[in-house]
């Protein structure tokens, strides 16, 4: 089978792992690649995107960290993202009916205990992953899209470090809702450069508390983070 037959070639090269990951994420979420489907080979995708296999692999790593795909050595890359209706929930995608404030309320209920569990089971590899996400957010500068990308990865990695598959799956659903249009429409009002810098400080503090196995501090900082996120949404939504 030719590369063109296996994978639709994009009109012009898309460079950079973040851009490639965003393009592939859109194809997964919109159903171009469905749950359980094997994706094209790394070689085919690298050629289609006009990039190196190293860059393509980094993009796939980001998607895997985000809970969208699973890479199996010797077998290939498979889609594990499952829309809400297909996962046995309501046929109406929950992202369509969840407001940004309802999303923050749900996170407030889940994340404090999530970090407590993470403190109990976190590994040095997990800490390295959290540090990478914190660095990614800091490097985003005033780029709200890039900041949000790494922000989702940061919180998903905390969920994954609990070693509780249900919590990890629940947070993948939360991240799915966070990517909905309702959030994007108010992002510019909420994620100012000042607020992103402040959130970066909180994320760094959360990472340090988890590293120090200080569950109380981690929980306290997350609660502060969620309270401030809620207040920011209320202010942003009124502009």
C-alpha atoms as a PDB file:
ATOM      1  CA  UNK A   1       0.000   0.000   0.000  1.00  0.00           C
ATOM      2  CA  UNK A   2       1.327   3.465  -0.876  1.00  0.00           C
ATOM      3  CA  UNK A   3       1.831   6.144   1.731  1.00  0.00           C
ATOM      4  CA  UNK A   4      -0.858   8.259   0.090  1.00  0.00           C
ATOM      5  CA  UNK A   5      -3.318   5.377   0.296  1.00  0.00           C
ATOM      6  CA  UNK A   6      -2.539   4.672   3.937  1.00  0.00           C
ATOM      7  CA  UNK A   7      -2.571   8.245   5.200  1.00  0.00           C
ATOM      8  CA  UNK A   8      -4.039  11.413   3.766  1.00  0.00           C
ATOM      9  CA  UNK A   9      -1.114  13.724   2.956  1.00  0.00           C
ATOM     10  CA  UNK A  10      -1.539  17.278   4.255  1.00  0.00           C
ATOM     11  CA  UNK A  11      -1.286  20.149   1.741  1.00  0.00           C
ATOM     12  CA  UNK A  12       1.901  21.564   3.281  1.00  0.00           C
ATOM     13  CA  UNK A  13       4.327  20.329   5.927  1.00  0.00           C
ATOM     14  CA  UNK A  14       3.243  20.836   9.542  1.00  0.00           C
ATOM     15  CA  UNK A  15       6.331  21.279  11.673  1.00  0.00           C
ATOM     16  CA  UNK A  16       6.792  20.895  15.397  1.00  0.00           C
ATOM     17  CA  UNK A  17       5.417  18.205  17.696  1.00  0.00           C
ATOM     18  CA  UNK A  18       2.772  20.484  19.233  1.00  0.00           C
ATOM     19  CA  UNK A  19       1.286  21.379  15.849  1.00  0.00           C
ATOM     20  CA  UNK A  20       1.328  17.759  14.690  1.00  0.00           C
ATOM     21  CA  UNK A  21      -0.192  16.577  17.980  1.00  0.00           C
ATOM     22  CA  UNK A  22      -2.964  19.185  17.663  1.00  0.00           C
ATOM     23  CA  UNK A  23      -3.766  18.061  14.114  1.00  0.00           C
ATOM     24  CA  UNK A  24      -3.867  14.389  15.074  1.00  0.00           C
ATOM     25  CA  UNK A  25      -5.888  15.141  18.202  1.00  0.00           C
ATOM     26  CA  UNK A  26      -8.510  16.877  16.074  1.00  0.00           C
ATOM     27  CA  UNK A  27      -8.701  13.868  13.756  1.00  0.00           C
ATOM     28  CA  UNK A  28      -9.148  11.531  16.725  1.00  0.00           C
ATOM     29  CA  UNK A  29     -11.761  13.641  18.522  1.00  0.00           C
ATOM     30  CA  UNK A  30     -13.760  14.222  15.337  1.00  0.00           C
ATOM     31  CA  UNK A  31     -13.747  10.518  14.486  1.00  0.00           C
ATOM     32  CA  UNK A  32     -11.346  10.393  11.540  1.00  0.00           C
ATOM     33  CA  UNK A  33      -9.568   7.787  13.652  1.00  0.00           C
ATOM     34  CA  UNK A  34     -12.053   5.933  15.848  1.00  0.00           C
ATOM     35  CA  UNK A  35     -11.703   4.075  19.134  1.00  0.00           C
ATOM     36  CA  UNK A  36      -9.637   0.906  18.791  1.00  0.00           C
ATOM     37  CA  UNK A  37      -8.413   1.777  15.311  1.00  0.00           C
ATOM     38  CA  UNK A  38      -4.776   1.247  14.379  1.00  0.00           C
ATOM     39  CA  UNK A  39      -3.236   4.478  13.131  1.00  0.00           C
ATOM     40  CA  UNK A  40      -0.899   4.706  10.114  1.00  0.00           C
ATOM     41  CA  UNK A  41       2.738   3.789  10.580  1.00  0.00           C
ATOM     42  CA  UNK A  42       5.197   6.313  11.986  1.00  0.00           C
ATOM     43  CA  UNK A  43       6.973   6.357   8.625  1.00  0.00           C
ATOM     44  CA  UNK A  44       3.758   7.149   6.763  1.00  0.00           C
ATOM     45  CA  UNK A  45       2.767   9.920   9.156  1.00  0.00           C
ATOM     46  CA  UNK A  46       6.257  11.454   9.175  1.00  0.00           C
ATOM     47  CA  UNK A  47       6.249  11.595   5.372  1.00  0.00           C
ATOM     48  CA  UNK A  48       2.723  13.020   5.299  1.00  0.00           C
ATOM     49  CA  UNK A  49       3.583  15.777   7.758  1.00  0.00           C
ATOM     50  CA  UNK A  50       6.920  16.468   6.087  1.00  0.00           C
ATOM     51  CA  UNK A  51       8.794  15.981   9.348  1.00  0.00           C
ATOM     52  CA  UNK A  52      11.350  13.672  10.927  1.00  0.00           C
ATOM     53  CA  UNK A  53      10.343  10.480  12.699  1.00  0.00           C
ATOM     54  CA  UNK A  54      11.834  11.892  15.908  1.00  0.00           C
ATOM     55  CA  UNK A  55       9.458  14.871  15.752  1.00  0.00           C
ATOM     56  CA  UNK A  56       6.542  12.620  14.883  1.00  0.00           C
ATOM     57  CA  UNK A  57       7.329  10.350  17.835  1.00  0.00           C
ATOM     58  CA  UNK A  58       7.360  13.339  20.185  1.00  0.00           C
ATOM     59  CA  UNK A  59       3.910  14.325  18.899  1.00  0.00           C
ATOM     60  CA  UNK A  60       2.667  10.781  19.492  1.00  0.00           C
ATOM     61  CA  UNK A  61       4.167  10.835  22.978  1.00  0.00           C
ATOM     62  CA  UNK A  62       2.150  13.964  23.770  1.00  0.00           C
ATOM     63  CA  UNK A  63      -1.036  12.290  22.524  1.00  0.00           C
ATOM     64  CA  UNK A  64      -0.262   9.210  24.595  1.00  0.00           C
ATOM     65  CA  UNK A  65       0.280  11.342  27.687  1.00  0.00           C
ATOM     66  CA  UNK A  66      -3.069  12.965  26.990  1.00  0.00           C
ATOM     67  CA  UNK A  67      -4.801   9.583  26.982  1.00  0.00           C
ATOM     68  CA  UNK A  68      -5.735   9.619  23.295  1.00  0.00           C
ATOM     69  CA  UNK A  69      -3.549   6.827  21.935  1.00  0.00           C
ATOM     70  CA  UNK A  70      -1.562   3.812  23.054  1.00  0.00           C
ATOM     71  CA  UNK A  71       1.661   2.719  21.407  1.00  0.00           C
ATOM     72  CA  UNK A  72       2.438  -0.986  21.446  1.00  0.00           C
ATOM     73  CA  UNK A  73       5.979  -2.067  20.666  1.00  0.00           C
ATOM     74  CA  UNK A  74       6.044  -4.266  17.590  1.00  0.00           C
ATOM     75  CA  UNK A  75       2.360  -3.735  16.894  1.00  0.00           C
ATOM     76  CA  UNK A  76       1.643  -0.074  16.226  1.00  0.00           C
ATOM     77  CA  UNK A  77      -0.286   2.911  17.528  1.00  0.00           C
ATOM     78  CA  UNK A  78      -3.929   2.525  18.546  1.00  0.00           C
ATOM     79  CA  UNK A  79      -6.648   5.054  19.390  1.00  0.00           C
ATOM     80  CA  UNK A  80      -7.939   4.692  22.952  1.00  0.00           C
ATOM     81  CA  UNK A  81      -9.961   7.926  23.050  1.00  0.00           C
ATOM     82  CA  UNK A  82     -13.607   7.020  23.482  1.00  0.00           C
ATOM     83  CA  UNK A  83     -16.407   9.597  23.083  1.00  0.00           C
ATOM     84  CA  UNK A  84     -18.795   9.778  26.020  1.00  0.00           C
ATOM     85  CA  UNK A  85     -21.676   8.092  24.225  1.00  0.00           C
ATOM     86  CA  UNK A  86     -19.529   5.144  23.164  1.00  0.00           C
ATOM     87  CA  UNK A  87     -18.166   4.738  26.692  1.00  0.00           C
ATOM     88  CA  UNK A  88     -21.579   3.755  28.005  1.00  0.00           C
ATOM     89  CA  UNK A  89     -22.604   7.239  29.159  1.00  0.00           C
ATOM     90  CA  UNK A  90     -25.376   9.418  27.759  1.00  0.00           C
ATOM     91  CA  UNK A  91     -25.499   9.461  23.970  1.00  0.00           C
ATOM     92  CA  UNK A  92     -25.283  13.260  24.217  1.00  0.00           C
ATOM     93  CA  UNK A  93     -21.658  14.241  24.614  1.00  0.00           C
ATOM     94  CA  UNK A  94     -21.258  15.552  28.151  1.00  0.00           C
ATOM     95  CA  UNK A  95     -18.896  18.244  26.855  1.00  0.00           C
ATOM     96  CA  UNK A  96     -21.832  19.818  25.022  1.00  0.00           C
ATOM     97  CA  UNK A  97     -23.889  20.287  28.186  1.00  0.00           C
ATOM     98  CA  UNK A  98     -21.194  21.083  30.755  1.00  0.00           C
ATOM     99  CA  UNK A  99     -20.516  24.758  31.408  1.00  0.00           C
ATOM    100  CA  UNK A 100     -17.005  26.003  32.295  1.00  0.00           C
ATOM    101  CA  UNK A 101     -18.166  26.667  35.870  1.00  0.00           C
ATOM    102  CA  UNK A 102     -19.615  23.163  36.174  1.00  0.00           C
ATOM    103  CA  UNK A 103     -16.298  21.831  34.920  1.00  0.00           C
ATOM    104  CA  UNK A 104     -14.388  23.714  37.633  1.00  0.00           C
ATOM    105  CA  UNK A 105     -16.857  22.478  40.264  1.00  0.00           C
ATOM    106  CA  UNK A 106     -16.227  18.892  39.141  1.00  0.00           C
ATOM    107  CA  UNK A 107     -12.467  19.426  39.258  1.00  0.00           C
ATOM    108  CA  UNK A 108     -12.778  20.930  42.741  1.00  0.00           C
ATOM    109  CA  UNK A 109     -14.524  17.758  43.889  1.00  0.00           C
ATOM    110  CA  UNK A 110     -11.958  15.411  42.341  1.00  0.00           C
ATOM    111  CA  UNK A 111      -8.513  16.986  42.306  1.00  0.00           C
ATOM    112  CA  UNK A 112      -7.764  17.521  46.018  1.00  0.00           C
ATOM    113  CA  UNK A 113      -8.162  13.807  46.739  1.00  0.00           C
ATOM    114  CA  UNK A 114      -6.435  12.989  43.455  1.00  0.00           C
ATOM    115  CA  UNK A 115      -3.237  14.714  44.595  1.00  0.00           C
ATOM    116  CA  UNK A 116      -3.430  12.923  47.951  1.00  0.00           C
ATOM    117  CA  UNK A 117      -3.408   9.583  46.141  1.00  0.00           C
ATOM    118  CA  UNK A 118      -0.639  10.768  43.826  1.00  0.00           C
ATOM    119  CA  UNK A 119       1.573  11.578  46.816  1.00  0.00           C
ATOM    120  CA  UNK A 120       1.224   7.976  47.992  1.00  0.00           C
ATOM    121  CA  UNK A 121       2.291   6.328  44.746  1.00  0.00           C
ATOM    122  CA  UNK A 122       4.283   8.879  42.726  1.00  0.00           C
ATOM    123  CA  UNK A 123       7.592   7.718  41.256  1.00  0.00           C
ATOM    124  CA  UNK A 124      10.686   9.612  40.176  1.00  0.00           C
ATOM    125  CA  UNK A 125       9.564   9.105  36.567  1.00  0.00           C
ATOM    126  CA  UNK A 126       6.203  10.669  37.407  1.00  0.00           C
ATOM    127  CA  UNK A 127       7.957  13.664  38.973  1.00  0.00           C
ATOM    128  CA  UNK A 128      10.080  14.074  35.842  1.00  0.00           C
ATOM    129  CA  UNK A 129       6.888  14.089  33.772  1.00  0.00           C
ATOM    130  CA  UNK A 130       5.309  16.748  35.987  1.00  0.00           C
ATOM    131  CA  UNK A 131       8.450  18.879  35.773  1.00  0.00           C
ATOM    132  CA  UNK A 132       8.385  18.609  31.994  1.00  0.00           C
ATOM    133  CA  UNK A 133       4.785  19.822  31.937  1.00  0.00           C
ATOM    134  CA  UNK A 134       5.585  22.711  34.293  1.00  0.00           C
ATOM    135  CA  UNK A 135       8.477  23.704  32.021  1.00  0.00           C
ATOM    136  CA  UNK A 136       6.184  23.482  28.997  1.00  0.00           C
ATOM    137  CA  UNK A 137       3.671  25.845  30.594  1.00  0.00           C
ATOM    138  CA  UNK A 138       6.405  28.284  31.587  1.00  0.00           C
ATOM    139  CA  UNK A 139       7.828  28.242  28.050  1.00  0.00           C
ATOM    140  CA  UNK A 140       4.386  29.019  26.607  1.00  0.00           C
ATOM    141  CA  UNK A 141       4.775  32.654  27.565  1.00  0.00           C
ATOM    142  CA  UNK A 142       1.647  34.474  26.356  1.00  0.00           C
ATOM    143  CA  UNK A 143       0.516  31.615  24.094  1.00  0.00           C
ATOM    144  CA  UNK A 144      -2.751  30.489  25.723  1.00  0.00           C
ATOM    145  CA  UNK A 145      -3.155  27.478  23.409  1.00  0.00           C
ATOM    146  CA  UNK A 146       0.280  26.119  24.242  1.00  0.00           C
ATOM    147  CA  UNK A 147      -0.231  26.842  27.939  1.00  0.00           C
ATOM    148  CA  UNK A 148      -3.554  24.979  27.925  1.00  0.00           C
ATOM    149  CA  UNK A 149      -1.978  22.024  26.108  1.00  0.00           C
ATOM    150  CA  UNK A 150       0.656  21.552  28.812  1.00  0.00           C
ATOM    151  CA  UNK A 151      -1.825  22.377  31.577  1.00  0.00           C
ATOM    152  CA  UNK A 152      -4.024  19.448  30.526  1.00  0.00           C
ATOM    153  CA  UNK A 153      -0.986  17.170  30.389  1.00  0.00           C
ATOM    154  CA  UNK A 154       0.153  18.299  33.861  1.00  0.00           C
ATOM    155  CA  UNK A 155      -3.136  17.435  35.542  1.00  0.00           C
ATOM    156  CA  UNK A 156      -3.524  14.198  33.564  1.00  0.00           C
ATOM    157  CA  UNK A 157      -0.079  13.104  34.711  1.00  0.00           C
ATOM    158  CA  UNK A 158      -1.109  13.685  38.325  1.00  0.00           C
ATOM    159  CA  UNK A 159      -4.181  11.524  37.686  1.00  0.00           C
ATOM    160  CA  UNK A 160      -2.053   8.821  36.062  1.00  0.00           C
ATOM    161  CA  UNK A 161       0.391   8.847  38.979  1.00  0.00           C
ATOM    162  CA  UNK A 162      -2.396   7.793  41.372  1.00  0.00           C
ATOM    163  CA  UNK A 163      -2.166   4.339  39.745  1.00  0.00           C
ATOM    164  CA  UNK A 164      -5.964   4.282  39.850  1.00  0.00           C
ATOM    165  CA  UNK A 165      -7.247   3.495  36.333  1.00  0.00           C
ATOM    166  CA  UNK A 166     -10.722   4.871  37.050  1.00  0.00           C
ATOM    167  CA  UNK A 167      -9.368   8.223  38.232  1.00  0.00           C
ATOM    168  CA  UNK A 168      -7.059   8.364  35.196  1.00  0.00           C
ATOM    169  CA  UNK A 169     -10.031   7.637  32.908  1.00  0.00           C
ATOM    170  CA  UNK A 170     -12.208  10.212  34.683  1.00  0.00           C
ATOM    171  CA  UNK A 171      -9.556  12.836  34.173  1.00  0.00           C
ATOM    172  CA  UNK A 172      -9.278  12.014  30.479  1.00  0.00           C
ATOM    173  CA  UNK A 173     -12.992  12.820  30.310  1.00  0.00           C
ATOM    174  CA  UNK A 174     -12.380  16.071  32.189  1.00  0.00           C
ATOM    175  CA  UNK A 175      -9.666  16.994  29.703  1.00  0.00           C
ATOM    176  CA  UNK A 176     -12.052  16.194  26.870  1.00  0.00           C
ATOM    177  CA  UNK A 177     -14.551  18.667  28.311  1.00  0.00           C
ATOM    178  CA  UNK A 178     -11.764  21.226  28.823  1.00  0.00           C
ATOM    179  CA  UNK A 179     -11.100  21.129  25.079  1.00  0.00           C
ATOM    180  CA  UNK A 180     -14.671  22.059  24.174  1.00  0.00           C
ATOM    181  CA  UNK A 181     -15.603  25.250  22.327  1.00  0.00           C
ATOM    182  CA  UNK A 182     -17.279  26.708  25.432  1.00  0.00           C
ATOM    183  CA  UNK A 183     -13.882  26.961  27.106  1.00  0.00           C
ATOM    184  CA  UNK A 184     -12.087  28.283  24.048  1.00  0.00           C
ATOM    185  CA  UNK A 185     -14.552  31.161  23.681  1.00  0.00           C
ATOM    186  CA  UNK A 186     -13.644  32.648  27.087  1.00  0.00           C
ATOM    187  CA  UNK A 187      -9.982  31.578  27.183  1.00  0.00           C
ATOM    188  CA  UNK A 188      -8.711  34.933  25.932  1.00  0.00           C
ATOM    189  CA  UNK A 189     -10.539  36.741  28.741  1.00  0.00           C
ATOM    190  CA  UNK A 190      -9.404  34.331  31.466  1.00  0.00           C
ATOM    191  CA  UNK A 191      -5.869  33.365  30.464  1.00  0.00           C
ATOM    192  CA  UNK A 192      -4.120  36.704  30.529  1.00  0.00           C
ATOM    193  CA  UNK A 193      -0.330  36.736  30.714  1.00  0.00           C
ATOM    194  CA  UNK A 194      -0.555  37.654  34.405  1.00  0.00           C
ATOM    195  CA  UNK A 195      -2.921  34.799  35.239  1.00  0.00           C
ATOM    196  CA  UNK A 196      -0.857  32.270  33.301  1.00  0.00           C
ATOM    197  CA  UNK A 197       2.245  33.376  35.203  1.00  0.00           C
ATOM    198  CA  UNK A 198       0.365  32.987  38.490  1.00  0.00           C
ATOM    199  CA  UNK A 199      -0.968  29.557  37.513  1.00  0.00           C
ATOM    200  CA  UNK A 200       2.585  28.548  36.611  1.00  0.00           C
ATOM    201  CA  UNK A 201       3.628  29.387  40.175  1.00  0.00           C
ATOM    202  CA  UNK A 202       0.800  27.260  41.593  1.00  0.00           C
ATOM    203  CA  UNK A 203       1.625  24.344  39.301  1.00  0.00           C
ATOM    204  CA  UNK A 204       5.266  24.511  40.358  1.00  0.00           C
ATOM    205  CA  UNK A 205       4.203  24.488  44.018  1.00  0.00           C
ATOM    206  CA  UNK A 206       1.930  21.495  43.444  1.00  0.00           C
ATOM    207  CA  UNK A 207       4.785  19.631  41.781  1.00  0.00           C
ATOM    208  CA  UNK A 208       7.139  20.421  44.673  1.00  0.00           C
ATOM    209  CA  UNK A 209       4.581  19.333  47.281  1.00  0.00           C
ATOM    210  CA  UNK A 210       4.040  16.016  45.474  1.00  0.00           C
ATOM    211  CA  UNK A 211       7.812  15.530  45.208  1.00  0.00           C
ATOM    212  CA  UNK A 212       8.114  16.152  48.966  1.00  0.00           C
ATOM    213  CA  UNK A 213       5.257  13.684  49.636  1.00  0.00           C
ATOM    214  CA  UNK A 214       3.409  16.481  51.424  1.00  0.00           C
ATOM    215  CA  UNK A 215      -0.230  15.556  50.837  1.00  0.00           C
ATOM    216  CA  UNK A 216      -1.653  18.357  52.953  1.00  0.00           C
ATOM    217  CA  UNK A 217       0.316  21.057  51.134  1.00  0.00           C
ATOM    218  CA  UNK A 218      -0.522  19.592  47.722  1.00  0.00           C
ATOM    219  CA  UNK A 219      -4.209  19.429  48.598  1.00  0.00           C
ATOM    220  CA  UNK A 220      -4.218  22.986  49.954  1.00  0.00           C
ATOM    221  CA  UNK A 221      -2.550  24.409  46.831  1.00  0.00           C
ATOM    222  CA  UNK A 222      -4.932  22.542  44.510  1.00  0.00           C
ATOM    223  CA  UNK A 223      -7.932  23.882  46.440  1.00  0.00           C
ATOM    224  CA  UNK A 224      -6.514  27.406  46.096  1.00  0.00           C
ATOM    225  CA  UNK A 225      -5.927  26.782  42.388  1.00  0.00           C
ATOM    226  CA  UNK A 226      -9.520  25.647  41.843  1.00  0.00           C
ATOM    227  CA  UNK A 227     -10.984  28.531  43.873  1.00  0.00           C
ATOM    228  CA  UNK A 228      -8.999  31.047  41.843  1.00  0.00           C
ATOM    229  CA  UNK A 229      -9.894  29.342  38.547  1.00  0.00           C
ATOM    230  CA  UNK A 230     -13.571  29.606  39.475  1.00  0.00           C
ATOM    231  CA  UNK A 231     -13.250  33.288  40.358  1.00  0.00           C
ATOM    232  CA  UNK A 232     -11.356  33.949  37.125  1.00  0.00           C
ATOM    233  CA  UNK A 233     -14.138  32.313  35.130  1.00  0.00           C
ATOM    234  CA  UNK A 234     -16.761  34.414  36.870  1.00  0.00           C
ATOM    235  CA  UNK A 235     -14.823  37.583  36.121  1.00  0.00           C
ATOM    236  CA  UNK A 236     -14.012  36.545  32.564  1.00  0.00           C
ATOM    237  CA  UNK A 237     -17.576  35.509  31.791  1.00  0.00           C
ATOM    238  CA  UNK A 238     -18.870  38.910  32.864  1.00  0.00           C
ATOM    239  CA  UNK A 239     -16.642  40.882  30.478  1.00  0.00           C
END
